Amino acid sequence: MIMDQTFVWRDREIAWHSRGSGPAVVFCHGTPWSSALWAPFARALADDFTVYLWDMPGYGASSKSAEHDVDLNVQGQAFTALLDHWGLQRPHVVAHDYGGAVTLRAHLLHKVTFGSLCLVDVVALRPWGSDYFTLVKDNAEVFAQLPAAIHRGALEAYIAGASHVGLRPTDMAMLMAPWCDDAGQPAFYRQIAQADERFTADFEGLLGEVSAPTHIVWGENDRWIPIDRAHRLHEAIPGSSLSLVPDAGHLVQLDQPVVIASEIRRWLTHVAFLE
């Protein structure tokens, strides 16, 4: 899907797209991904739902200005403002990775009401972040100046670790594309440098106050965010349900696309039409 709309917020340009009809469903991507990861799933749902895709500031087709912070606090505020711009009152949200933290911050800290939450391998509970994150945080300016070929090689190796079954060349190219031009390379390291667990610590103690029906989906072989986080999140959010996806890593959308598509449709049909 082409991100054909722009929302200007605090001098940032947030790219977004909407299509379809029916109950509103908003897809939230994580890092270092973009809305392109969710696009096929949104397209498949558009006959029954009005689907919304957006790229967080600093990601995908959105602006990547060096002077703009891109931490989770900023993303939660941006998402809250975007939902208001769309005029959505109780949208259903499907969130992956950082998108989970962004959604939970909007809900628990900015008091946004959701019709339901589907949290897929999300960043929500400490600890999170790898040794690579720590290395980049301490040397972000150096990494941003790497020769382009070395940057691409390191980026490809990093992304490959998010899949359990291995990525097709076309999928790898889609995931890497936003980070390989002159604006994208420094933006990639900038968003890692600004990653901080304090932004999830802000809401961890509030997870018992999640009021939206919540379904948690997790790849059993997620090496980025181990499966124990799925069980802890399930225990922390009252009334939540949990589905584990075999033979899937952190990029469950690409490792087991049919399974995750069926899981999302089943959940959305239940909460949107059968309550």
C-alpha atoms as a PDB file:
ATOM      1  CA  MET A   1       0.000   0.000   0.000  1.00  0.00           C
ATOM      2  CA  ILE A   2       1.248   3.462  -0.877  1.00  0.00           C
ATOM      3  CA  MET A   3       1.280   5.860   2.069  1.00  0.00           C
ATOM      4  CA  ASP A   4      -0.621   8.587   0.263  1.00  0.00           C
ATOM      5  CA  GLN A   5      -1.654  10.836   3.165  1.00  0.00           C
ATOM      6  CA  THR A   6       0.403  13.036   5.493  1.00  0.00           C
ATOM      7  CA  PHE A   7      -0.367  14.351   8.975  1.00  0.00           C
ATOM      8  CA  VAL A   8       1.878  17.191  10.130  1.00  0.00           C
ATOM      9  CA  TRP A   9       2.520  17.041  13.869  1.00  0.00           C
ATOM     10  CA  ARG A  10       5.117  19.181  15.656  1.00  0.00           C
ATOM     11  CA  ASP A  11       6.896  19.782  12.348  1.00  0.00           C
ATOM     12  CA  ARG A  12       7.049  16.026  11.674  1.00  0.00           C
ATOM     13  CA  GLU A  13       5.358  14.486   8.655  1.00  0.00           C
ATOM     14  CA  ILE A  14       3.559  11.254   9.526  1.00  0.00           C
ATOM     15  CA  ALA A  15       2.728   9.165   6.472  1.00  0.00           C
ATOM     16  CA  TRP A  16      -0.490   7.158   6.549  1.00  0.00           C
ATOM     17  CA  HIS A  17      -3.048   5.341   4.423  1.00  0.00           C
ATOM     18  CA  SER A  18      -6.606   4.127   4.877  1.00  0.00           C
ATOM     19  CA  ARG A  19      -8.923   1.942   2.844  1.00  0.00           C
ATOM     20  CA  GLY A  20     -11.966  -0.309   3.181  1.00  0.00           C
ATOM     21  CA  SER A  21     -15.217  -0.064   5.111  1.00  0.00           C
ATOM     22  CA  GLY A  22     -16.532  -1.302   8.429  1.00  0.00           C
ATOM     23  CA  PRO A  23     -15.148  -1.071  11.978  1.00  0.00           C
ATOM     24  CA  ALA A  24     -11.857   0.823  12.253  1.00  0.00           C
ATOM     25  CA  VAL A  25      -8.673  -1.248  12.649  1.00  0.00           C
ATOM     26  CA  VAL A  26      -5.327   0.501  13.144  1.00  0.00           C
ATOM     27  CA  PHE A  27      -2.063  -1.353  12.557  1.00  0.00           C
ATOM     28  CA  CYS A  28       1.012  -0.249  14.514  1.00  0.00           C
ATOM     29  CA  HIS A  29       4.473  -1.365  13.418  1.00  0.00           C
ATOM     30  CA  GLY A  30       7.615  -1.671  15.513  1.00  0.00           C
ATOM     31  CA  THR A  31      11.340  -1.204  15.091  1.00  0.00           C
ATOM     32  CA  PRO A  32      13.184  -1.345  12.772  1.00  0.00           C
ATOM     33  CA  TRP A  33      10.106  -2.010  10.685  1.00  0.00           C
ATOM     34  CA  SER A  34       7.492   0.096   8.915  1.00  0.00           C
ATOM     35  CA  SER A  35       3.842  -0.136   7.945  1.00  0.00           C
ATOM     36  CA  ALA A  36       4.920  -2.239   4.954  1.00  0.00           C
ATOM     37  CA  LEU A  37       5.160  -5.241   7.276  1.00  0.00           C
ATOM     38  CA  TRP A  38       1.440  -5.012   8.042  1.00  0.00           C
ATOM     39  CA  ALA A  39       0.267  -3.933   4.572  1.00  0.00           C
ATOM     40  CA  PRO A  40      -0.707  -7.395   3.206  1.00  0.00           C
ATOM     41  CA  PHE A  41      -2.758  -8.125   6.325  1.00  0.00           C
ATOM     42  CA  ALA A  42      -4.507  -4.759   6.185  1.00  0.00           C
ATOM     43  CA  ARG A  43      -5.278  -5.319   2.505  1.00  0.00           C
ATOM     44  CA  ALA A  44      -6.834  -8.711   3.255  1.00  0.00           C
ATOM     45  CA  LEU A  45      -9.126  -7.184   5.900  1.00  0.00           C
ATOM     46  CA  ALA A  46     -10.240  -4.141   3.921  1.00  0.00           C
ATOM     47  CA  ASP A  47     -13.452  -5.759   2.643  1.00  0.00           C
ATOM     48  CA  ASP A  48     -14.773  -6.033   6.195  1.00  0.00           C
ATOM     49  CA  PHE A  49     -12.941  -3.292   8.095  1.00  0.00           C
ATOM     50  CA  THR A  50     -11.683   0.231   7.573  1.00  0.00           C
ATOM     51  CA  VAL A  51      -7.950  -0.315   7.950  1.00  0.00           C
ATOM     52  CA  TYR A  52      -5.391   2.337   8.864  1.00  0.00           C
ATOM     53  CA  LEU A  53      -1.643   2.095   8.370  1.00  0.00           C
ATOM     54  CA  TRP A  54       0.892   4.663   9.538  1.00  0.00           C
ATOM     55  CA  ASP A  55       4.654   5.051   9.803  1.00  0.00           C
ATOM     56  CA  MET A  56       5.960   6.338  13.114  1.00  0.00           C
ATOM     57  CA  PRO A  57       7.990   9.572  12.885  1.00  0.00           C
ATOM     58  CA  GLY A  58      11.535   8.581  11.974  1.00  0.00           C
ATOM     59  CA  TYR A  59      10.388   5.370  10.246  1.00  0.00           C
ATOM     60  CA  GLY A  60       9.219   4.216   6.833  1.00  0.00           C
ATOM     61  CA  ALA A  61       7.887   7.031   4.660  1.00  0.00           C
ATOM     62  CA  SER A  62       7.555   9.496   7.540  1.00  0.00           C
ATOM     63  CA  SER A  63      10.035  12.319   8.071  1.00  0.00           C
ATOM     64  CA  LYS A  64      13.440  11.471   9.550  1.00  0.00           C
ATOM     65  CA  SER A  65      14.808  14.858  10.585  1.00  0.00           C
ATOM     66  CA  ALA A  66      17.823  14.642  12.891  1.00  0.00           C
ATOM     67  CA  GLU A  67      16.470  17.351  15.199  1.00  0.00           C
ATOM     68  CA  HIS A  68      13.311  15.382  16.019  1.00  0.00           C
ATOM     69  CA  ASP A  69      13.267  12.891  18.876  1.00  0.00           C
ATOM     70  CA  VAL A  70      11.809   9.483  18.052  1.00  0.00           C
ATOM     71  CA  ASP A  71      11.644   7.817  21.476  1.00  0.00           C
ATOM     72  CA  LEU A  72       8.602   5.937  22.759  1.00  0.00           C
ATOM     73  CA  ASN A  73       7.304   8.972  24.633  1.00  0.00           C
ATOM     74  CA  VAL A  74       7.186  10.928  21.368  1.00  0.00           C
ATOM     75  CA  GLN A  75       5.605   8.006  19.491  1.00  0.00           C
ATOM     76  CA  GLY A  76       2.845   7.604  22.072  1.00  0.00           C
ATOM     77  CA  GLN A  77       1.991  11.294  21.814  1.00  0.00           C
ATOM     78  CA  ALA A  78       2.123  11.160  18.010  1.00  0.00           C
ATOM     79  CA  PHE A  79      -0.224   8.166  17.907  1.00  0.00           C
ATOM     80  CA  THR A  80      -2.662   9.886  20.249  1.00  0.00           C
ATOM     81  CA  ALA A  81      -2.670  12.993  18.050  1.00  0.00           C
ATOM     82  CA  LEU A  82      -3.069  10.928  14.876  1.00  0.00           C
ATOM     83  CA  LEU A  83      -6.089   9.070  16.265  1.00  0.00           C
ATOM     84  CA  ASP A  84      -7.658  12.430  17.097  1.00  0.00           C
ATOM     85  CA  HIS A  85      -6.872  13.649  13.575  1.00  0.00           C
ATOM     86  CA  TRP A  86      -8.657  10.603  12.160  1.00  0.00           C
ATOM     87  CA  GLY A  87     -11.600  11.161  14.487  1.00  0.00           C
ATOM     88  CA  LEU A  88     -11.544   7.567  15.737  1.00  0.00           C
ATOM     89  CA  GLN A  89     -13.221   6.986  19.086  1.00  0.00           C
ATOM     90  CA  ARG A  90     -12.771   3.263  19.826  1.00  0.00           C
ATOM     91  CA  PRO A  91     -10.610   1.730  17.095  1.00  0.00           C
ATOM     92  CA  HIS A  92      -9.348  -1.817  17.230  1.00  0.00           C
ATOM     93  CA  VAL A  93      -5.559  -1.897  17.273  1.00  0.00           C
ATOM     94  CA  VAL A  94      -3.166  -4.569  16.017  1.00  0.00           C
ATOM     95  CA  ALA A  95       0.336  -3.796  17.265  1.00  0.00           C
ATOM     96  CA  HIS A  96       3.750  -5.418  16.853  1.00  0.00           C
ATOM     97  CA  ASP A  97       7.038  -4.863  18.694  1.00  0.00           C
ATOM     98  CA  TYR A  98       7.464  -1.152  19.625  1.00  0.00           C
ATOM     99  CA  GLY A  99       3.916  -0.608  18.394  1.00  0.00           C
ATOM    100  CA  GLY A 100       2.739  -2.397  21.517  1.00  0.00           C
ATOM    101  CA  ALA A 101       4.520   0.050  23.797  1.00  0.00           C
ATOM    102  CA  VAL A 102       3.231   2.989  21.743  1.00  0.00           C
ATOM    103  CA  THR A 103      -0.340   1.689  21.971  1.00  0.00           C
ATOM    104  CA  LEU A 104      -0.127   0.931  25.686  1.00  0.00           C
ATOM    105  CA  ARG A 105       1.319   4.378  26.401  1.00  0.00           C
ATOM    106  CA  ALA A 106      -1.555   5.961  24.455  1.00  0.00           C
ATOM    107  CA  HIS A 107      -4.092   3.874  26.376  1.00  0.00           C
ATOM    108  CA  LEU A 108      -2.686   3.958  29.901  1.00  0.00           C
ATOM    109  CA  LEU A 109      -0.913   7.329  29.998  1.00  0.00           C
ATOM    110  CA  HIS A 110      -2.887   9.425  27.480  1.00  0.00           C
ATOM    111  CA  LYS A 111      -6.245   7.783  28.241  1.00  0.00           C
ATOM    112  CA  VAL A 112      -7.089   6.764  24.672  1.00  0.00           C
ATOM    113  CA  THR A 113      -9.972   4.283  24.529  1.00  0.00           C
ATOM    114  CA  PHE A 114      -9.667   1.263  22.239  1.00  0.00           C
ATOM    115  CA  GLY A 115     -12.277  -1.219  21.075  1.00  0.00           C
ATOM    116  CA  SER A 116      -9.743  -4.024  21.426  1.00  0.00           C
ATOM    117  CA  LEU A 117      -6.023  -4.757  21.382  1.00  0.00           C
ATOM    118  CA  CYS A 118      -4.173  -7.488  19.537  1.00  0.00           C
ATOM    119  CA  LEU A 119      -0.575  -7.444  20.773  1.00  0.00           C
ATOM    120  CA  VAL A 120       1.864  -9.389  18.601  1.00  0.00           C
ATOM    121  CA  ASP A 121       5.369 -10.016  20.026  1.00  0.00           C
ATOM    122  CA  VAL A 122       5.314  -6.587  21.629  1.00  0.00           C
ATOM    123  CA  VAL A 123       7.787  -4.498  23.585  1.00  0.00           C
ATOM    124  CA  ALA A 124       6.004  -4.013  26.890  1.00  0.00           C
ATOM    125  CA  LEU A 125       7.880  -5.591  29.788  1.00  0.00           C
ATOM    126  CA  ARG A 126      11.466  -5.182  30.911  1.00  0.00           C
ATOM    127  CA  PRO A 127      14.088  -6.269  30.163  1.00  0.00           C
ATOM    128  CA  TRP A 128      14.203  -5.548  26.447  1.00  0.00           C
ATOM    129  CA  GLY A 129      16.922  -4.446  24.055  1.00  0.00           C
ATOM    130  CA  SER A 130      19.921  -6.500  22.985  1.00  0.00           C
ATOM    131  CA  ASP A 131      23.666  -6.146  23.432  1.00  0.00           C
ATOM    132  CA  TYR A 132      23.611  -4.622  19.941  1.00  0.00           C
ATOM    133  CA  PHE A 133      21.232  -1.912  21.203  1.00  0.00           C
ATOM    134  CA  THR A 134      23.649  -1.097  24.013  1.00  0.00           C
ATOM    135  CA  LEU A 135      26.604  -0.924  21.640  1.00  0.00           C
ATOM    136  CA  VAL A 136      24.764   1.403  19.268  1.00  0.00           C
ATOM    137  CA  LYS A 137      23.438   3.623  22.081  1.00  0.00           C
ATOM    138  CA  ASP A 138      27.006   4.221  23.208  1.00  0.00           C
ATOM    139  CA  ASN A 139      28.343   4.842  19.679  1.00  0.00           C
ATOM    140  CA  ALA A 140      25.393   6.058  17.595  1.00  0.00           C
ATOM    141  CA  GLU A 141      27.297   8.865  15.851  1.00  0.00           C
ATOM    142  CA  VAL A 142      30.058   6.461  14.792  1.00  0.00           C
ATOM    143  CA  PHE A 143      27.580   3.904  13.412  1.00  0.00           C
ATOM    144  CA  ALA A 144      25.751   6.618  11.475  1.00  0.00           C
ATOM    145  CA  GLN A 145      28.973   7.317   9.555  1.00  0.00           C
ATOM    146  CA  LEU A 146      29.690   3.733   8.517  1.00  0.00           C
ATOM    147  CA  PRO A 147      30.327   3.217   4.797  1.00  0.00           C
ATOM    148  CA  ALA A 148      27.003   2.377   3.163  1.00  0.00           C
ATOM    149  CA  ALA A 149      28.028  -1.162   2.203  1.00  0.00           C
ATOM    150  CA  ILE A 150      29.084  -2.005   5.755  1.00  0.00           C
ATOM    151  CA  HIS A 151      25.895  -0.487   7.134  1.00  0.00           C
ATOM    152  CA  ARG A 152      23.792  -2.597   4.766  1.00  0.00           C
ATOM    153  CA  GLY A 153      25.653  -5.756   5.722  1.00  0.00           C
ATOM    154  CA  ALA A 154      25.227  -5.123   9.445  1.00  0.00           C
ATOM    155  CA  LEU A 155      21.574  -4.181   8.961  1.00  0.00           C
ATOM    156  CA  GLU A 156      20.841  -7.354   7.006  1.00  0.00           C
ATOM    157  CA  ALA A 157      22.502  -9.540   9.649  1.00  0.00           C
ATOM    158  CA  TYR A 158      20.567  -7.778  12.403  1.00  0.00           C
ATOM    159  CA  ILE A 159      17.197  -8.119  10.676  1.00  0.00           C
ATOM    160  CA  ALA A 160      17.819 -11.763   9.784  1.00  0.00           C
ATOM    161  CA  GLY A 161      17.908 -12.607  13.490  1.00  0.00           C
ATOM    162  CA  ALA A 162      14.242 -11.633  13.850  1.00  0.00           C
ATOM    163  CA  SER A 163      13.090 -14.547  11.683  1.00  0.00           C
ATOM    164  CA  HIS A 164      12.986 -18.182  12.724  1.00  0.00           C
ATOM    165  CA  VAL A 165      12.504 -19.749   9.279  1.00  0.00           C
ATOM    166  CA  GLY A 166      14.587 -17.323   7.199  1.00  0.00           C
ATOM    167  CA  LEU A 167      13.577 -14.340   5.099  1.00  0.00           C
ATOM    168  CA  ARG A 168      12.972 -14.306   1.357  1.00  0.00           C
ATOM    169  CA  PRO A 169      15.117 -11.786  -0.540  1.00  0.00           C
ATOM    170  CA  THR A 170      12.044  -9.714  -1.387  1.00  0.00           C
ATOM    171  CA  ASP A 171      11.030  -9.522   2.265  1.00  0.00           C
ATOM    172  CA  MET A 172      14.536  -8.604   3.359  1.00  0.00           C
ATOM    173  CA  ALA A 173      14.633  -5.853   0.743  1.00  0.00           C
ATOM    174  CA  MET A 174      11.280  -4.492   1.964  1.00  0.00           C
ATOM    175  CA  LEU A 175      12.456  -4.396   5.574  1.00  0.00           C
ATOM    176  CA  MET A 176      15.804  -2.778   4.765  1.00  0.00           C
ATOM    177  CA  ALA A 177      14.625  -0.189   2.233  1.00  0.00           C
ATOM    178  CA  PRO A 178      13.754   2.701   4.630  1.00  0.00           C
ATOM    179  CA  TRP A 179      17.194   2.548   6.252  1.00  0.00           C
ATOM    180  CA  CYS A 180      19.514   2.487   3.247  1.00  0.00           C
ATOM    181  CA  ASP A 181      19.450   6.012   1.842  1.00  0.00           C
ATOM    182  CA  ASP A 182      21.175   9.148   3.129  1.00  0.00           C
ATOM    183  CA  ALA A 183      18.340   9.952   5.549  1.00  0.00           C
ATOM    184  CA  GLY A 184      17.642   6.381   6.537  1.00  0.00           C
ATOM    185  CA  GLN A 185      21.077   5.290   7.729  1.00  0.00           C
ATOM    186  CA  PRO A 186      21.468   7.882  10.513  1.00  0.00           C
ATOM    187  CA  ALA A 187      17.762   7.517  11.358  1.00  0.00           C
ATOM    188  CA  PHE A 188      18.262   3.790  11.952  1.00  0.00           C
ATOM    189  CA  TYR A 189      20.930   4.386  14.575  1.00  0.00           C
ATOM    190  CA  ARG A 190      19.107   7.380  16.021  1.00  0.00           C
ATOM    191  CA  GLN A 191      16.025   5.356  16.931  1.00  0.00           C
ATOM    192  CA  ILE A 192      18.161   2.703  18.634  1.00  0.00           C
ATOM    193  CA  ALA A 193      20.128   5.349  20.537  1.00  0.00           C
ATOM    194  CA  GLN A 194      16.864   6.751  21.932  1.00  0.00           C
ATOM    195  CA  ALA A 195      15.468   3.384  23.021  1.00  0.00           C
ATOM    196  CA  ASP A 196      15.081   3.341  26.794  1.00  0.00           C
ATOM    197  CA  GLU A 197      13.348   0.949  29.186  1.00  0.00           C
ATOM    198  CA  ARG A 198      12.040   3.837  31.257  1.00  0.00           C
ATOM    199  CA  PHE A 199       9.344   4.345  28.626  1.00  0.00           C
ATOM    200  CA  THR A 200       7.849   0.930  29.332  1.00  0.00           C
ATOM    201  CA  ALA A 201       8.530   1.216  33.062  1.00  0.00           C
ATOM    202  CA  ASP A 202       6.105   4.172  32.927  1.00  0.00           C
ATOM    203  CA  PHE A 203       3.147   1.849  32.314  1.00  0.00           C
ATOM    204  CA  GLU A 204       4.199  -1.591  33.597  1.00  0.00           C
ATOM    205  CA  GLY A 205       2.503  -0.987  36.929  1.00  0.00           C
ATOM    206  CA  LEU A 206      -0.679   0.099  35.121  1.00  0.00           C
ATOM    207  CA  LEU A 207      -1.194  -2.995  32.951  1.00  0.00           C
ATOM    208  CA  GLY A 208      -3.901  -4.197  35.316  1.00  0.00           C
ATOM    209  CA  GLU A 209      -5.899  -1.152  34.216  1.00  0.00           C
ATOM    210  CA  VAL A 210      -6.065  -2.114  30.526  1.00  0.00           C
ATOM    211  CA  SER A 211      -9.776  -1.843  29.806  1.00  0.00           C
ATOM    212  CA  ALA A 212      -9.914  -3.038  26.203  1.00  0.00           C
ATOM    213  CA  PRO A 213     -10.392  -6.737  25.372  1.00  0.00           C
ATOM    214  CA  THR A 214      -6.854  -7.938  24.690  1.00  0.00           C
ATOM    215  CA  HIS A 215      -5.469 -10.846  22.717  1.00  0.00           C
ATOM    216  CA  ILE A 216      -1.737 -11.621  22.816  1.00  0.00           C
ATOM    217  CA  VAL A 217      -0.016 -13.488  19.977  1.00  0.00           C
ATOM    218  CA  TRP A 218       3.600 -14.628  20.171  1.00  0.00           C
ATOM    219  CA  GLY A 219       6.058 -16.559  18.041  1.00  0.00           C
ATOM    220  CA  GLU A 220       7.281 -19.521  20.077  1.00  0.00           C
ATOM    221  CA  ASN A 221      10.807 -19.065  18.726  1.00  0.00           C
ATOM    222  CA  ASP A 222      11.109 -15.293  19.194  1.00  0.00           C
ATOM    223  CA  ARG A 223      14.780 -14.631  19.984  1.00  0.00           C
ATOM    224  CA  TRP A 224      14.317 -10.869  20.213  1.00  0.00           C
ATOM    225  CA  ILE A 225      11.574 -10.867  22.858  1.00  0.00           C
ATOM    226  CA  PRO A 226      11.505 -14.298  24.510  1.00  0.00           C
ATOM    227  CA  ILE A 227       8.246 -16.111  25.075  1.00  0.00           C
ATOM    228  CA  ASP A 228       8.293 -15.605  28.837  1.00  0.00           C
ATOM    229  CA  ARG A 229       7.231 -11.999  28.155  1.00  0.00           C
ATOM    230  CA  ALA A 230       4.075 -13.321  26.497  1.00  0.00           C
ATOM    231  CA  HIS A 231       3.101 -15.262  29.609  1.00  0.00           C
ATOM    232  CA  ARG A 232       3.967 -12.358  31.916  1.00  0.00           C
ATOM    233  CA  LEU A 233       1.931  -9.938  29.789  1.00  0.00           C
ATOM    234  CA  HIS A 234      -0.990 -12.383  29.741  1.00  0.00           C
ATOM    235  CA  GLU A 235      -0.896 -12.543  33.539  1.00  0.00           C
ATOM    236  CA  ALA A 236      -0.630  -8.763  33.869  1.00  0.00           C
ATOM    237  CA  ILE A 237      -3.590  -7.809  31.628  1.00  0.00           C
ATOM    238  CA  PRO A 238      -6.908  -8.915  33.160  1.00  0.00           C
ATOM    239  CA  GLY A 239      -9.050 -11.148  30.961  1.00  0.00           C
ATOM    240  CA  SER A 240      -6.500 -11.297  28.150  1.00  0.00           C
ATOM    241  CA  SER A 241      -6.127 -14.352  25.914  1.00  0.00           C
ATOM    242  CA  LEU A 242      -2.902 -15.806  24.551  1.00  0.00           C
ATOM    243  CA  SER A 243      -2.035 -17.718  21.373  1.00  0.00           C
ATOM    244  CA  LEU A 244       1.432 -19.076  20.645  1.00  0.00           C
ATOM    245  CA  VAL A 245       2.567 -19.580  17.044  1.00  0.00           C
ATOM    246  CA  PRO A 246       4.867 -22.571  16.416  1.00  0.00           C
ATOM    247  CA  ASP A 247       7.844 -22.254  14.069  1.00  0.00           C
ATOM    248  CA  ALA A 248       7.767 -18.464  14.237  1.00  0.00           C
ATOM    249  CA  GLY A 249      10.241 -15.909  15.505  1.00  0.00           C
ATOM    250  CA  HIS A 250       9.807 -12.212  16.157  1.00  0.00           C
ATOM    251  CA  LEU A 251       8.730 -11.609  12.559  1.00  0.00           C
ATOM    252  CA  VAL A 252       5.734 -13.877  12.899  1.00  0.00           C
ATOM    253  CA  GLN A 253       4.074 -12.002   9.998  1.00  0.00           C
ATOM    254  CA  LEU A 254       6.699 -13.385   7.604  1.00  0.00           C
ATOM    255  CA  ASP A 255       7.471 -16.692   9.320  1.00  0.00           C
ATOM    256  CA  GLN A 256       3.840 -17.846   9.531  1.00  0.00           C
ATOM    257  CA  PRO A 257       1.710 -15.390   7.531  1.00  0.00           C
ATOM    258  CA  VAL A 258      -1.332 -17.643   7.103  1.00  0.00           C
ATOM    259  CA  VAL A 259      -1.473 -18.456  10.797  1.00  0.00           C
ATOM    260  CA  ILE A 260      -1.182 -14.849  11.944  1.00  0.00           C
ATOM    261  CA  ALA A 261      -3.673 -13.628   9.324  1.00  0.00           C
ATOM    262  CA  SER A 262      -6.206 -16.200  10.502  1.00  0.00           C
ATOM    263  CA  GLU A 263      -5.548 -15.329  14.134  1.00  0.00           C
ATOM    264  CA  ILE A 264      -6.060 -11.609  13.566  1.00  0.00           C
ATOM    265  CA  ARG A 265      -9.230 -12.098  11.502  1.00  0.00           C
ATOM    266  CA  ARG A 266     -10.693 -14.483  14.066  1.00  0.00           C
ATOM    267  CA  TRP A 267     -10.001 -12.029  16.890  1.00  0.00           C
ATOM    268  CA  LEU A 268     -11.280  -8.945  15.077  1.00  0.00           C
ATOM    269  CA  THR A 269     -14.430 -10.715  13.917  1.00  0.00           C
ATOM    270  CA  HIS A 270     -15.115 -11.743  17.502  1.00  0.00           C
ATOM    271  CA  VAL A 271     -14.585  -8.345  19.130  1.00  0.00           C
ATOM    272  CA  ALA A 272     -15.996  -6.179  16.331  1.00  0.00           C
ATOM    273  CA  PHE A 273     -19.092  -8.133  15.309  1.00  0.00           C
ATOM    274  CA  LEU A 274     -19.982 -10.737  17.918  1.00  0.00           C
ATOM    275  CA  GLU A 275     -19.957  -8.842  21.207  1.00  0.00           C
END
